[in-house]
Protein backbone atom coordinates (compact mmCIF):
# COMPACT_ATOMS: atom_id res chain seq x y z
CA MET A 1 32.42 21.04 17.16
CA ILE A 2 31.41 18.25 14.58
CA ILE A 3 28.52 19.10 12.64
CA LEU A 4 26.51 15.85 11.02
CA HIS A 5 24.01 15.79 8.12
CA GLY A 6 20.55 13.71 7.59
CA VAL A 7 19.92 11.12 5.51
CA THR A 8 20.17 13.43 2.10
CA GLY A 9 21.78 15.94 3.14
CA HIS A 10 25.50 17.12 2.72
CA ALA A 11 28.11 19.34 3.82
CA HIS A 12 26.48 22.45 1.87
CA GLU A 13 23.26 22.25 3.09
CA ASN A 14 21.76 25.67 4.28
CA TYR A 15 21.29 24.53 7.53
CA MET A 16 24.62 22.88 7.96
CA GLU A 17 26.45 25.82 6.89
CA ASP A 18 24.12 27.98 9.04
CA MET A 19 24.78 25.98 11.79
CA ALA A 20 28.59 26.32 11.11
CA TYR A 21 28.65 30.02 10.85
CA ARG A 22 26.97 30.44 14.05
CA ALA A 23 29.50 27.86 15.91
CA SER A 24 32.25 29.35 14.48
CA SER A 25 31.01 32.95 15.56
CA ASP A 26 30.54 31.73 19.27
CA GLY A 27 33.69 31.00 18.88
CA TYR A 28 33.68 26.95 18.46
CA ASN A 29 36.17 25.37 16.04
CA VAL A 30 33.86 23.65 13.68
CA VAL A 31 34.27 20.69 11.62
CA VAL A 32 31.13 19.58 9.25
CA PHE A 33 31.40 16.02 8.69
CA ASN A 34 30.09 14.42 5.07
CA HIS A 35 28.66 10.88 4.99
CA PHE A 36 28.86 10.79 1.24
CA ALA A 37 31.63 11.01 -1.27
CA PRO A 38 31.96 15.12 -2.08
CA HIS A 39 30.36 16.46 -4.69
CA GLY A 40 31.68 16.05 -8.02
CA GLU A 41 33.82 13.12 -7.70
CA ASN A 42 33.10 9.69 -9.23
CA ASP A 43 33.32 8.14 -6.12
CA MET A 44 29.36 7.47 -5.24
CA LYS A 45 30.36 5.52 -2.01
CA MET A 46 27.91 6.49 0.55
CA ILE A 47 29.01 5.77 4.26
CA ASP A 48 26.64 3.27 6.16
CA PHE A 49 24.86 5.43 9.09
CA GLY A 50 24.54 2.17 10.73
CA ASP A 51 28.42 1.52 10.43
CA ASN A 52 29.96 4.24 13.57
CA SER A 53 33.02 2.16 13.73
CA TYR A 54 35.19 4.61 11.84
CA PHE A 55 34.12 7.49 13.62
CA ASP A 56 37.34 7.53 15.73
CA LYS A 57 39.22 8.55 12.49
CA VAL A 58 36.78 11.61 12.12
CA ILE A 59 37.61 12.54 15.64
CA GLU A 60 41.26 12.11 15.51
CA PHE A 61 40.94 14.41 12.37
CA ALA A 62 39.14 17.35 14.43
CA LYS A 63 41.31 17.02 17.35
CA LYS A 64 44.37 17.63 14.77
CA GLN A 65 43.08 20.19 12.95
CA TYR A 66 42.28 22.30 16.23
CA GLN A 67 45.22 20.77 18.06
CA GLY A 68 45.94 22.89 21.21
CA ALA A 69 42.73 24.68 20.65
CA TYR A 70 40.56 25.84 23.77
CA PRO A 71 38.27 24.25 24.81
CA PRO A 72 39.60 20.68 24.42
CA GLU A 73 36.45 19.03 24.37
CA ILE A 74 34.49 17.53 21.56
CA TYR A 75 30.79 18.48 20.90
CA LEU A 76 28.34 16.52 18.56
CA VAL A 77 25.56 18.42 16.40
CA GLY A 78 23.42 15.59 14.60
CA PHE A 79 20.68 16.74 12.55
CA SER A 80 18.10 13.67 11.69
CA LEU A 81 20.01 10.44 11.06
CA GLY A 82 22.87 12.46 11.95
CA GLY A 83 21.79 13.07 15.51
CA ASN A 84 20.76 9.08 15.61
CA PHE A 85 24.37 8.11 14.19
CA ALA A 86 25.73 10.36 17.15
CA LEU A 87 23.40 9.05 20.07
CA ARG A 88 24.45 5.76 18.87
CA PHE A 89 28.18 6.38 18.74
CA ILE A 90 28.28 7.54 21.99
CA GLY A 91 25.66 4.69 23.20
CA ASP A 92 27.87 1.81 21.69
CA ALA A 93 30.97 3.14 23.41
CA CYS A 94 29.15 3.46 26.90
CA LYS A 95 27.62 -0.34 26.93
CA SER A 96 31.12 -1.13 25.63
CA LYS A 97 32.67 0.62 28.51
CA SER A 98 29.89 -1.19 31.00
CA GLU A 99 30.36 -4.43 29.74
CA GLY A 100 34.19 -3.99 29.88
CA LYS A 101 34.99 -4.81 26.41
CA GLN A 102 37.07 -2.30 24.36
CA SER A 103 35.09 0.60 23.43
CA SER A 104 36.06 3.74 20.93
CA THR A 105 39.17 5.62 22.07
CA GLU A 106 37.57 8.96 21.11
CA ALA A 107 34.13 8.25 22.69
CA ASP A 108 36.29 9.87 26.13
CA SER A 109 36.68 13.12 24.21
CA ILE A 110 32.70 14.13 23.78
CA LYS A 111 31.61 16.76 25.96
CA ALA A 112 28.05 17.12 24.90
CA ILE A 113 25.54 15.58 22.19
CA ALA A 114 22.62 17.77 20.70
CA ALA A 115 20.57 15.35 18.20
CA ILE A 116 18.10 17.62 16.59
CA SER A 117 15.01 15.93 14.78
CA ASN A 118 16.73 13.10 15.28
CA PRO A 119 14.56 9.56 14.55
CA PHE A 120 15.05 7.17 18.05
CA ASP A 121 13.97 3.59 16.14
CA VAL A 122 14.83 4.22 12.60
CA LEU A 123 12.35 0.90 11.42
CA HIS A 124 9.23 2.47 12.98
CA THR A 125 10.21 5.86 11.57
CA GLY A 126 10.66 4.20 8.13
CA VAL A 127 7.42 2.50 8.40
CA LYS A 128 5.39 5.15 9.36
CA LEU A 129 6.50 7.62 6.82
CA LYS A 130 5.92 4.93 4.35
CA HIS A 131 2.06 5.07 5.11
CA THR A 132 2.07 8.98 5.77
CA ARG A 133 0.52 11.12 2.90
CA TRP A 134 0.82 8.68 0.14
CA GLY A 135 4.44 7.85 1.05
CA LEU A 136 5.59 11.45 -0.38
CA TYR A 137 8.55 11.47 2.08
CA ASN A 138 9.78 8.10 0.57
CA LYS A 139 9.53 9.05 -3.05
CA PHE A 140 11.47 11.78 -2.10
CA LEU A 141 14.31 10.03 -0.08
CA TYR A 142 14.26 7.76 -3.33
CA PHE A 143 14.63 10.20 -5.71
CA THR A 144 17.00 12.34 -3.49
CA LEU A 145 19.69 9.00 -3.02
CA SER A 146 19.20 7.57 -6.31
CA ARG A 147 19.69 10.57 -8.35
CA PRO A 148 23.52 10.76 -8.32
CA PHE A 149 24.15 6.85 -9.21
CA PHE A 150 21.53 7.67 -12.19
CA LYS A 151 23.53 10.55 -13.34
CA GLU A 152 27.10 8.59 -12.92
CA ALA A 153 25.58 5.79 -14.89
CA PHE A 154 23.43 7.54 -17.85
CA PHE A 155 24.98 10.66 -18.22
CA ASP A 156 28.67 10.09 -18.26
């Protein structure tokens, strides 16, 4: 099982660790995917949630980690924008396959996807959140996403 966090999250969020613990307790082999550089490193590179071209490598990694494990299928669990990312990944692979184009080589390994509280239309959701409750979510989002960059620039 590969678990993906949302846009302001990271691999050590409570909901991520809880999901990993519960899945592991139920017998699943778990990989928690972090869309950001690990906390504490100087490289503040953030992965583009709109680009899923590298995700084959993540699935390859999970398969190598648990080579010979049963069941061999991959399950994706995505929270918020991580759910959107997972659905787009499999949707893009299916679309490419139906059009006869080269698609993700690893997408066929995916048995099921659970997308939890994901925005299906990211642009519409963003506009709606900007005008809801005085834009508090946008302010929180800006603060959360910019904090590591400001810390890196001003406090080292």
